[in-house]
Structures are given as structure tokens and as C-alpha cells.
């Protein structure tokens, strides 16, 4: 089920983690992806990207290290 969620209502410390296809990123980022097909973006509730990392585990660790609650968005 694909139900829209208003992330801004979930609190300021909530961030969401989503997979990003490397092919959809700017060429300079693609060049740094070291052959990976997917990276993971961390976004705040307003949708602003805070980080782009190599895997979901690192994205969650980074969020928690900064006292944020990570959620997975597909």
C-alpha cells in the first residue's frame, strides 16, 4: 500500500533513508561511487538531503549518531 505520509508531522529528529540509483546522480558523484549501483540518501522531514552514503547501515548509524530517528522510505 502506498499511502502518502506528511514527514513534517513526525518531529524534527526524524530523518528518512532512501536508496538512490547512482545513474540518477550528477556525473561528479557517479565518479566517486566506486562502481556501486545504489547509494543511500538521508533526508530531513522537509525533504532536504543531509547526507549521501554507501549503504543503509551507515545511513542509520549516521542518523543515530546525530540523535535522529531514521526511517526507511521506498
Protein backbone atom coordinates (compact mmCIF):
# COMPACT_ATOMS: atom_id res chain seq x y z
CA UNK A 1 0.00 0.00 0.00
CA UNK A 2 1.38 3.40 -0.96
CA UNK A 3 -0.07 5.91 1.47
CA UNK A 4 1.45 9.41 1.50
CA UNK A 5 2.91 10.43 4.85
CA UNK A 6 3.47 14.01 5.97
CA UNK A 7 7.01 13.62 7.33
CA UNK A 8 6.96 17.11 8.88
CA UNK A 9 4.38 15.88 11.41
CA UNK A 10 6.71 13.16 12.70
CA UNK A 11 9.06 15.51 14.55
CA UNK A 12 12.26 17.40 13.95
CA UNK A 13 14.53 14.50 14.89
CA UNK A 14 13.07 12.12 12.31
CA UNK A 15 15.02 11.57 9.09
CA UNK A 16 14.26 9.23 6.26
CA UNK A 17 16.64 6.99 4.38
CA UNK A 18 16.05 6.02 0.78
CA UNK A 19 18.00 4.23 -1.92
CA UNK A 20 19.23 6.36 -4.81
CA UNK A 21 20.33 4.97 -8.17
CA UNK A 22 23.87 6.16 -8.89
CA UNK A 23 22.88 6.60 -12.55
CA UNK A 24 20.43 9.34 -11.45
CA UNK A 25 23.13 11.37 -9.70
CA UNK A 26 25.37 14.09 -11.17
CA UNK A 27 28.44 12.80 -13.04
CA UNK A 28 30.87 14.04 -10.37
CA UNK A 29 29.02 11.99 -7.74
CA UNK A 30 28.86 8.96 -10.04
CA UNK A 31 32.64 9.13 -10.43
CA UNK A 32 33.02 8.82 -6.64
CA UNK A 33 30.58 5.91 -6.28
CA UNK A 34 33.36 3.35 -6.87
CA UNK A 35 31.28 1.06 -9.07
CA UNK A 36 28.22 0.96 -6.82
CA UNK A 37 24.79 0.99 -8.45
CA UNK A 38 22.95 2.33 -5.39
CA UNK A 39 23.75 4.82 -2.64
CA UNK A 40 21.56 5.86 0.29
CA UNK A 41 20.34 9.39 0.93
CA UNK A 42 19.37 10.74 4.35
CA UNK A 43 16.71 13.47 4.26
CA UNK A 44 15.13 15.61 6.95
CA UNK A 45 11.35 15.94 7.34
CA UNK A 46 11.30 18.88 4.90
CA UNK A 47 12.91 16.74 2.21
CA UNK A 48 16.34 18.38 2.29
CA UNK A 49 19.14 15.90 1.69
CA UNK A 50 21.52 15.78 4.63
CA UNK A 51 23.87 13.01 3.53
CA UNK A 52 24.62 10.51 0.78
CA UNK A 53 26.37 7.34 1.94
CA UNK A 54 27.40 3.91 0.63
CA UNK A 55 24.87 1.72 2.43
CA UNK A 56 21.73 1.71 4.53
CA UNK A 57 23.52 0.53 7.67
CA UNK A 58 25.84 3.56 7.54
CA UNK A 59 22.90 5.90 6.90
CA UNK A 60 21.13 4.63 10.03
CA UNK A 61 24.31 4.82 12.12
CA UNK A 62 24.97 8.38 10.95
CA UNK A 63 21.43 9.46 11.82
CA UNK A 64 21.57 7.89 15.27
CA UNK A 65 25.00 9.39 15.93
CA UNK A 66 23.35 12.80 15.45
CA UNK A 67 20.42 11.98 17.78
CA UNK A 68 17.98 11.47 14.92
CA UNK A 69 15.46 8.69 14.35
CA UNK A 70 15.94 7.09 10.91
CA UNK A 71 13.02 5.64 8.94
CA UNK A 72 13.19 3.75 5.67
CA UNK A 73 11.29 5.16 2.69
CA UNK A 74 10.99 3.10 -0.50
